């Protein structure tokens, strides 16, 4: 996932879909909150970690360390701009 376009597509598509479903009342509040928390803590941690691993910035075993609050901020430039 070295391509920045692919990265942005990967992280924005699920959240846009989630908000679209919520707007159309297709899902309940509890389902929305559950899916949003899964997206925020599991999906984004994995996707961000995979991007950093493929760019040889972190090791594969360090991917889940990004779940620590504030840890992703150490890699803002590598994740979003390079």
Protein backbone atom coordinates (compact mmCIF):
# COMPACT_ATOMS: atom_id res chain seq x y z
CA UNK A 1 0.00 0.00 0.00
CA UNK A 2 2.78 2.36 -0.92
CA UNK A 3 0.52 4.26 -3.30
CA UNK A 4 -1.05 7.19 -1.43
CA UNK A 5 -4.21 7.13 -3.59
CA UNK A 6 -4.84 3.49 -2.66
CA UNK A 7 -4.24 4.30 0.99
CA UNK A 8 -6.73 7.16 1.04
CA UNK A 9 -9.28 5.09 -0.87
CA UNK A 10 -8.85 2.27 1.64
CA UNK A 11 -9.35 4.46 4.70
CA UNK A 12 -12.10 6.74 3.37
CA UNK A 13 -14.42 4.27 1.63
CA UNK A 14 -15.53 2.39 4.77
CA UNK A 15 -16.11 5.54 6.82
CA UNK A 16 -18.06 7.19 3.98
CA UNK A 17 -20.19 4.05 3.63
CA UNK A 18 -20.79 3.95 7.37
CA UNK A 19 -21.98 7.56 7.48
CA UNK A 20 -24.10 7.03 4.38
CA UNK A 21 -25.82 4.05 6.02
CA UNK A 22 -26.39 6.06 9.17
CA UNK A 23 -27.82 9.00 7.21
CA UNK A 24 -30.33 6.74 5.47
CA UNK A 25 -31.35 5.12 8.77
CA UNK A 26 -30.26 1.75 7.45
CA UNK A 27 -28.50 0.90 10.71
CA UNK A 28 -29.32 1.58 14.34
CA UNK A 29 -27.35 3.73 16.74
CA UNK A 30 -25.73 0.77 18.52
CA UNK A 31 -24.66 -0.77 15.20
CA UNK A 32 -23.23 2.56 14.05
CA UNK A 33 -21.23 3.04 17.23
CA UNK A 34 -19.97 -0.55 17.15
CA UNK A 35 -18.87 -0.32 13.52
CA UNK A 36 -17.30 3.10 14.07
CA UNK A 37 -15.26 1.82 17.02
CA UNK A 38 -14.17 -1.22 15.00
CA UNK A 39 -13.15 1.07 12.16
CA UNK A 40 -11.27 3.43 14.46
CA UNK A 41 -9.38 0.95 16.57
CA UNK A 42 -8.98 -2.26 14.58
CA UNK A 43 -9.27 -1.43 10.88
CA UNK A 44 -7.31 1.84 10.92
CA UNK A 45 -4.62 0.38 13.18
CA UNK A 46 -4.10 -2.51 10.77
CA UNK A 47 -4.20 -0.38 7.59
CA UNK A 48 -1.84 2.27 8.99
CA UNK A 49 0.50 -0.41 10.31
CA UNK A 50 0.50 -2.24 7.00
CA UNK A 51 1.36 0.97 5.16
CA UNK A 52 4.24 1.73 7.52
CA UNK A 53 5.48 -1.86 7.30
CA UNK A 54 5.43 -1.86 3.50
CA UNK A 55 7.39 1.41 3.53
CA UNK A 56 9.97 -0.30 5.83
CA UNK A 57 9.38 2.16 8.67
CA UNK A 58 8.23 -0.35 11.29
CA UNK A 59 8.53 -4.10 11.67
CA UNK A 60 5.55 -6.38 11.15
CA UNK A 61 5.35 -7.25 14.85
CA UNK A 62 5.01 -3.53 15.71
CA UNK A 63 1.79 -2.99 13.74
CA UNK A 64 -0.48 -3.42 16.74
CA UNK A 65 1.55 -0.94 18.80
CA UNK A 66 -0.22 1.74 16.75
CA UNK A 67 -3.35 0.99 18.79
CA UNK A 68 -1.76 2.88 21.68
CA UNK A 69 -3.40 6.32 21.78
CA UNK A 70 -1.17 8.95 20.22
CA UNK A 71 1.29 6.48 18.68
CA UNK A 72 0.10 7.21 15.11
CA UNK A 73 1.04 10.87 15.53
CA UNK A 74 4.71 9.83 15.42
CA UNK A 75 4.17 8.81 11.80
CA UNK A 76 1.90 11.60 10.45
CA UNK A 77 4.25 12.57 7.62
CA UNK A 78 4.89 8.98 6.49
CA UNK A 79 1.21 8.05 6.59
CA UNK A 80 -0.51 11.02 5.01
CA UNK A 81 1.98 12.99 2.96
CA UNK A 82 4.62 10.67 1.53
